[in-house]
PDB file of all heavy atoms in Angstrom:
ATOM      1  N   GLY A   1     -82.263  42.326-161.561  1.00  0.00           N
ATOM      2  CA  GLY A   1     -82.101  41.519-162.765  1.00  0.00           C
ATOM      3  C   GLY A   1     -81.789  40.069-162.444  1.00  0.00           C
ATOM      4  O   GLY A   1     -82.312  39.148-163.084  1.00  0.00           O
ATOM      5  N   ALA A   2     -80.947  39.839-161.442  1.00  0.00           N
ATOM      6  CA  ALA A   2     -80.578  38.471-161.071  1.00  0.00           C
ATOM      7  C   ALA A   2     -81.785  37.694-160.558  1.00  0.00           C
ATOM      8  O   ALA A   2     -81.994  36.532-160.918  1.00  0.00           O
ATOM      9  CB  ALA A   2     -79.480  38.495-160.015  1.00  0.00           C
ATOM     10  N   VAL A   3     -82.609  38.332-159.732  1.00  0.00           N
ATOM     11  CA  VAL A   3     -83.801  37.658-159.209  1.00  0.00           C
ATOM     12  C   VAL A   3     -84.834  37.456-160.313  1.00  0.00           C
ATOM     13  O   VAL A   3     -85.540  36.441-160.341  1.00  0.00           O
ATOM     14  CB  VAL A   3     -84.408  38.472-158.046  1.00  0.00           C
ATOM     15  CG1 VAL A   3     -85.646  37.772-157.495  1.00  0.00           C
ATOM     16  CG2 VAL A   3     -83.390  38.665-156.947  1.00  0.00           C
ATOM     17  N   SER A   4     -84.914  38.398-161.242  1.00  0.00           N
ATOM     18  CA  SER A   4     -85.881  38.297-162.340  1.00  0.00           C
ATOM     19  C   SER A   4     -85.598  37.112-163.256  1.00  0.00           C
ATOM     20  O   SER A   4     -86.466  36.700-164.030  1.00  0.00           O
ATOM     21  CB  SER A   4     -85.887  39.587-163.162  1.00  0.00           C
ATOM     22  OG  SER A   4     -86.315  40.679-162.371  1.00  0.00           O
ATOM     23  N   LEU A   5     -84.379  36.565-163.183  1.00  0.00           N
ATOM     24  CA  LEU A   5     -84.076  35.375-163.971  1.00  0.00           C
ATOM     25  C   LEU A   5     -84.996  34.211-163.600  1.00  0.00           C
ATOM     26  O   LEU A   5     -85.221  33.309-164.410  1.00  0.00           O
ATOM     27  CB  LEU A   5     -82.619  34.955-163.763  1.00  0.00           C
ATOM     28  CG  LEU A   5     -81.560  35.748-164.536  1.00  0.00           C
ATOM     29  CD1 LEU A   5     -80.169  35.279-164.122  1.00  0.00           C
ATOM     30  CD2 LEU A   5     -81.753  35.585-166.040  1.00  0.00           C
ATOM     31  N   ALA A   6     -85.542  34.242-162.388  1.00  0.00           N
ATOM     32  CA  ALA A   6     -86.484  33.197-161.976  1.00  0.00           C
ATOM     33  C   ALA A   6     -87.712  33.210-162.889  1.00  0.00           C
ATOM     34  O   ALA A   6     -88.227  32.152-163.280  1.00  0.00           O
ATOM     35  CB  ALA A   6     -86.899  33.397-160.521  1.00  0.00           C
ATOM     36  N   PHE A   7     -88.180  34.410-163.227  1.00  0.00           N
ATOM     37  CA  PHE A   7     -89.326  34.515-164.137  1.00  0.00           C
ATOM     38  C   PHE A   7     -88.961  34.002-165.528  1.00  0.00           C
ATOM     39  O   PHE A   7     -89.726  33.277-166.160  1.00  0.00           O
ATOM     40  CB  PHE A   7     -89.794  35.971-164.225  1.00  0.00           C
ATOM     41  CG  PHE A   7     -90.941  36.182-165.183  1.00  0.00           C
ATOM     42  CD1 PHE A   7     -92.238  35.901-164.792  1.00  0.00           C
ATOM     43  CD2 PHE A   7     -90.725  36.652-166.475  1.00  0.00           C
ATOM     44  CE1 PHE A   7     -93.302  36.078-165.669  1.00  0.00           C
ATOM     45  CE2 PHE A   7     -91.769  36.838-167.352  1.00  0.00           C
ATOM     46  CZ  PHE A   7     -93.060  36.545-166.952  1.00  0.00           C
ATOM     47  N   THR A   8     -87.766  34.373-165.994  1.00  0.00           N
ATOM     48  CA  THR A   8     -87.316  33.912-167.310  1.00  0.00           C
ATOM     49  C   THR A   8     -87.223  32.390-167.354  1.00  0.00           C
ATOM     50  O   THR A   8     -87.668  31.752-168.315  1.00  0.00           O
ATOM     51  CB  THR A   8     -85.948  34.529-167.647  1.00  0.00           C
ATOM     52  OG1 THR A   8     -86.053  35.957-167.608  1.00  0.00           O
ATOM     53  CG2 THR A   8     -85.482  34.095-169.024  1.00  0.00           C
ATOM     54  N   MET A   9     -86.646  31.795-166.315  1.00  0.00           N
ATOM     55  CA  MET A   9     -86.520  30.341-166.261  1.00  0.00           C
ATOM     56  C   MET A   9     -87.889  29.672-166.175  1.00  0.00           C
ATOM     57  O   MET A   9     -88.115  28.610-166.764  1.00  0.00           O
ATOM     58  CB  MET A   9     -85.665  29.937-165.065  1.00  0.00           C
ATOM     59  CG  MET A   9     -84.207  30.340-165.184  1.00  0.00           C
ATOM     60  SD  MET A   9     -83.394  29.610-166.635  1.00  0.00           S
ATOM     61  CE  MET A   9     -83.355  27.885-166.162  1.00  0.00           C
ATOM     62  N   MET A  10     -88.803  30.270-165.435  1.00  0.00           N
ATOM     63  CA  MET A  10     -90.150  29.729-165.337  1.00  0.00           C
ATOM     64  C   MET A  10     -90.833  29.719-166.700  1.00  0.00           C
ATOM     65  O   MET A  10     -91.449  28.719-167.102  1.00  0.00           O
ATOM     66  CB  MET A  10     -90.968  30.548-164.331  1.00  0.00           C
ATOM     67  CG  MET A  10     -92.376  30.028-164.073  1.00  0.00           C
ATOM     68  SD  MET A  10     -93.580  30.573-165.320  1.00  0.00           S
ATOM     69  CE  MET A  10     -93.492  32.345-165.116  1.00  0.00           C
ATOM     70  N   MET A  11     -90.695  30.810-167.458  1.00  0.00           N
ATOM     71  CA  MET A  11     -91.315  30.890-168.782  1.00  0.00           C
ATOM     72  C   MET A  11     -90.679  29.885-169.745  1.00  0.00           C
ATOM     73  O   MET A  11     -91.375  29.267-170.562  1.00  0.00           O
ATOM     74  CB  MET A  11     -91.182  32.308-169.331  1.00  0.00           C
ATOM     75  CG  MET A  11     -92.030  33.331-168.606  1.00  0.00           C
ATOM     76  SD  MET A  11     -93.810  32.991-168.705  1.00  0.00           S
ATOM     77  CE  MET A  11     -94.138  33.375-170.436  1.00  0.00           C
ATOM     78  N   PHE A  12     -89.374  29.710-169.644  1.00  0.00           N
ATOM     79  CA  PHE A  12     -88.707  28.740-170.501  1.00  0.00           C
ATOM     80  C   PHE A  12     -89.194  27.323-170.174  1.00  0.00           C
ATOM     81  O   PHE A  12     -89.466  26.514-171.067  1.00  0.00           O
ATOM     82  CB  PHE A  12     -87.194  28.833-170.331  1.00  0.00           C
ATOM     83  CG  PHE A  12     -86.428  27.884-171.213  1.00  0.00           C
ATOM     84  CD1 PHE A  12     -86.411  28.040-172.588  1.00  0.00           C
ATOM     85  CD2 PHE A  12     -85.736  26.809-170.664  1.00  0.00           C
ATOM     86  CE1 PHE A  12     -85.714  27.155-173.407  1.00  0.00           C
ATOM     87  CE2 PHE A  12     -85.037  25.918-171.465  1.00  0.00           C
ATOM     88  CZ  PHE A  12     -85.027  26.087-172.843  1.00  0.00           C
ATOM     89  N   GLY A  13     -89.285  27.007-168.878  1.00  0.00           N
ATOM     90  CA  GLY A  13     -89.807  25.704-168.481  1.00  0.00           C
ATOM     91  C   GLY A  13     -91.249  25.518-168.909  1.00  0.00           C
ATOM     92  O   GLY A  13     -91.653  24.423-169.332  1.00  0.00           O
ATOM     93  N   PHE A  14     -92.034  26.585-168.820  1.00  0.00           N
ATOM     94  CA  PHE A  14     -93.437  26.553-169.233  1.00  0.00           C
ATOM     95  C   PHE A  14     -93.555  26.245-170.728  1.00  0.00           C
ATOM     96  O   PHE A  14     -94.364  25.410-171.149  1.00  0.00           O
ATOM     97  CB  PHE A  14     -94.077  27.914-168.922  1.00  0.00           C
ATOM     98  CG  PHE A  14     -95.487  28.071-169.397  1.00  0.00           C
ATOM     99  CD1 PHE A  14     -96.531  27.412-168.762  1.00  0.00           C
ATOM    100  CD2 PHE A  14     -95.783  28.891-170.478  1.00  0.00           C
ATOM    101  CE1 PHE A  14     -97.841  27.568-169.195  1.00  0.00           C
ATOM    102  CE2 PHE A  14     -97.085  29.049-170.922  1.00  0.00           C
ATOM    103  CZ  PHE A  14     -98.118  28.392-170.269  1.00  0.00           C
ATOM    104  N   GLY A  15     -92.733  26.908-171.547  1.00  0.00           N
ATOM    105  CA  GLY A  15     -92.788  26.686-172.990  1.00  0.00           C
ATOM    106  C   GLY A  15     -92.276  25.312-173.388  1.00  0.00           C
ATOM    107  O   GLY A  15     -92.932  24.587-174.158  1.00  0.00           O
ATOM    108  N   LEU A  16     -91.107  24.934-172.877  1.00  0.00           N
ATOM    109  CA  LEU A  16     -90.542  23.623-173.194  1.00  0.00           C
ATOM    110  C   LEU A  16     -91.428  22.498-172.666  1.00  0.00           C
ATOM    111  O   LEU A  16     -91.655  21.491-173.349  1.00  0.00           O
ATOM    112  CB  LEU A  16     -89.139  23.513-172.594  1.00  0.00           C
ATOM    113  CG  LEU A  16     -88.385  22.197-172.846  1.00  0.00           C
ATOM    114  CD1 LEU A  16     -88.174  21.984-174.342  1.00  0.00           C
ATOM    115  CD2 LEU A  16     -87.054  22.187-172.108  1.00  0.00           C
ATOM    116  N   GLY A  17     -91.946  22.690-171.466  1.00  0.00           N
ATOM    117  CA  GLY A  17     -92.819  21.675-170.881  1.00  0.00           C
ATOM    118  C   GLY A  17     -94.091  21.482-171.675  1.00  0.00           C
ATOM    119  O   GLY A  17     -94.632  20.364-171.719  1.00  0.00           O
ATOM    120  N   GLY A  18     -94.580  22.552-172.312  1.00  0.00           N
ATOM    121  CA  GLY A  18     -95.784  22.427-173.136  1.00  0.00           C
ATOM    122  C   GLY A  18     -95.578  21.467-174.292  1.00  0.00           C
ATOM    123  O   GLY A  18     -96.481  20.705-174.659  1.00  0.00           O
ATOM    124  N   VAL A  19     -94.381  21.492-174.879  1.00  0.00           N
ATOM    125  CA  VAL A  19     -94.064  20.568-175.977  1.00  0.00           C
ATOM    126  C   VAL A  19     -93.967  19.138-175.455  1.00  0.00           C
ATOM    127  O   VAL A  19     -94.506  18.197-176.042  1.00  0.00           O
ATOM    128  CB  VAL A  19     -92.743  20.976-176.664  1.00  0.00           C
ATOM    129  CG1 VAL A  19     -92.417  20.007-177.798  1.00  0.00           C
ATOM    130  CG2 VAL A  19     -92.846  22.403-177.206  1.00  0.00           C
ATOM    131  N   ILE A  20     -93.274  18.968-174.322  1.00  0.00           N
ATOM    132  CA  ILE A  20     -93.065  17.625-173.765  1.00  0.00           C
ATOM    133  C   ILE A  20     -94.384  17.010-173.301  1.00  0.00           C
ATOM    134  O   ILE A  20     -94.727  15.877-173.665  1.00  0.00           O
ATOM    135  CB  ILE A  20     -92.067  17.676-172.603  1.00  0.00           C
ATOM    136  CG1 ILE A  20     -90.693  18.141-173.093  1.00  0.00           C
ATOM    137  CG2 ILE A  20     -91.951  16.312-171.926  1.00  0.00           C
ATOM    138  CD1 ILE A  20     -89.711  18.436-171.984  1.00  0.00           C
ATOM    139  N   THR A  21     -95.146  17.750-172.488  1.00  0.00           N
ATOM    140  CA  THR A  21     -96.411  17.213-171.995  1.00  0.00           C
ATOM    141  C   THR A  21     -97.445  17.102-173.115  1.00  0.00           C
ATOM    142  O   THR A  21     -98.339  16.260-173.050  1.00  0.00           O
ATOM    143  CB  THR A  21     -96.977  18.078-170.851  1.00  0.00           C
ATOM    144  OG1 THR A  21     -97.073  19.454-171.277  1.00  0.00           O
ATOM    145  CG2 THR A  21     -96.102  17.989-169.615  1.00  0.00           C
ATOM    146  N   GLY A  22     -97.299  17.939-174.145  1.00  0.00           N
ATOM    147  CA  GLY A  22     -98.169  17.799-175.312  1.00  0.00           C
ATOM    148  C   GLY A  22     -97.925  16.482-176.025  1.00  0.00           C
ATOM    149  O   GLY A  22     -98.863  15.790-176.452  1.00  0.00           O
ATOM    150  N   ARG A  23     -96.651  16.120-176.151  1.00  0.00           N
ATOM    151  CA  ARG A  23     -96.297  14.843-176.778  1.00  0.00           C
ATOM    152  C   ARG A  23     -96.821  13.673-175.959  1.00  0.00           C
ATOM    153  O   ARG A  23     -97.339  12.697-176.506  1.00  0.00           O
ATOM    154  CB  ARG A  23     -94.777  14.757-176.914  1.00  0.00           C
ATOM    155  CG  ARG A  23     -94.280  13.523-177.667  1.00  0.00           C
ATOM    156  CD  ARG A  23     -94.736  13.534-179.096  1.00  0.00           C
ATOM    157  NE  ARG A  23     -94.133  12.457-179.857  1.00  0.00           N
ATOM    158  CZ  ARG A  23     -94.520  12.103-181.077  1.00  0.00           C
ATOM    159  NH1 ARG A  23     -95.509  12.764-181.673  1.00  0.00           N
ATOM    160  NH2 ARG A  23     -93.929  11.119-181.703  1.00  0.00           N
ATOM    161  N   ILE A  24     -96.681  13.784-174.634  1.00  0.00           N
ATOM    162  CA  ILE A  24     -97.200  12.737-173.751  1.00  0.00           C
ATOM    163  C   ILE A  24     -98.713  12.623-173.893  1.00  0.00           C
ATOM    164  O   ILE A  24     -99.270  11.511-173.942  1.00  0.00           O
ATOM    165  CB  ILE A  24     -96.817  13.039-172.286  1.00  0.00           C
ATOM    166  CG1 ILE A  24     -95.301  12.956-172.108  1.00  0.00           C
ATOM    167  CG2 ILE A  24     -97.511  12.066-171.326  1.00  0.00           C
ATOM    168  CD1 ILE A  24     -94.818  13.447-170.754  1.00  0.00           C
ATOM    169  N   THR A  25     -99.387  13.769-173.988  1.00  0.00           N
ATOM    170  CA  THR A  25    -100.839  13.772-174.138  1.00  0.00           C
ATOM    171  C   THR A  25    -101.257  13.080-175.428  1.00  0.00           C
ATOM    172  O   THR A  25    -102.220  12.307-175.447  1.00  0.00           O
ATOM    173  CB  THR A  25    -101.373  15.217-174.118  1.00  0.00           C
ATOM    174  OG1 THR A  25    -101.030  15.838-172.872  1.00  0.00           O
ATOM    175  CG2 THR A  25    -102.883  15.251-174.284  1.00  0.00           C
ATOM    176  N   ASP A  26    -100.552  13.367-176.522  1.00  0.00           N
ATOM    177  CA  ASP A  26    -100.879  12.727-177.798  1.00  0.00           C
ATOM    178  C   ASP A  26    -100.660  11.221-177.746  1.00  0.00           C
ATOM    179  O   ASP A  26    -101.364  10.461-178.424  1.00  0.00           O
ATOM    180  CB  ASP A  26    -100.034  13.331-178.924  1.00  0.00           C
ATOM    181  CG  ASP A  26    -100.529  14.706-179.351  1.00  0.00           C
ATOM    182  OD1 ASP A  26    -101.727  14.978-179.163  1.00  0.00           O
ATOM    183  OD2 ASP A  26     -99.720  15.497-179.866  1.00  0.00           O
ATOM    184  N   ARG A  27     -99.679  10.786-176.962  1.00  0.00           N
ATOM    185  CA  ARG A  27     -99.348   9.362-176.909  1.00  0.00           C
ATOM    186  C   ARG A  27    -100.250   8.595-175.948  1.00  0.00           C
ATOM    187  O   ARG A  27    -100.775   7.529-176.287  1.00  0.00           O
ATOM    188  CB  ARG A  27     -97.881   9.181-176.505  1.00  0.00           C
ATOM    189  CG  ARG A  27     -96.868   9.571-177.570  1.00  0.00           C
ATOM    190  CD  ARG A  27     -96.962   8.634-178.785  1.00  0.00           C
ATOM    191  NE  ARG A  27     -95.933   8.923-179.769  1.00  0.00           N
ATOM    192  CZ  ARG A  27     -94.725   8.358-179.777  1.00  0.00           C
ATOM    193  NH1 ARG A  27     -94.391   7.502-178.826  1.00  0.00           N
ATOM    194  NH2 ARG A  27     -93.863   8.664-180.727  1.00  0.00           N
TER     195      ARG A  27
END
């Protein structure tokens, strides 16, 4: 479970990053 947190953090970064880089793309 502790190591699997890496996958959870990756998915969170993937989702949040999509919003941020999406905003950059629009600008």
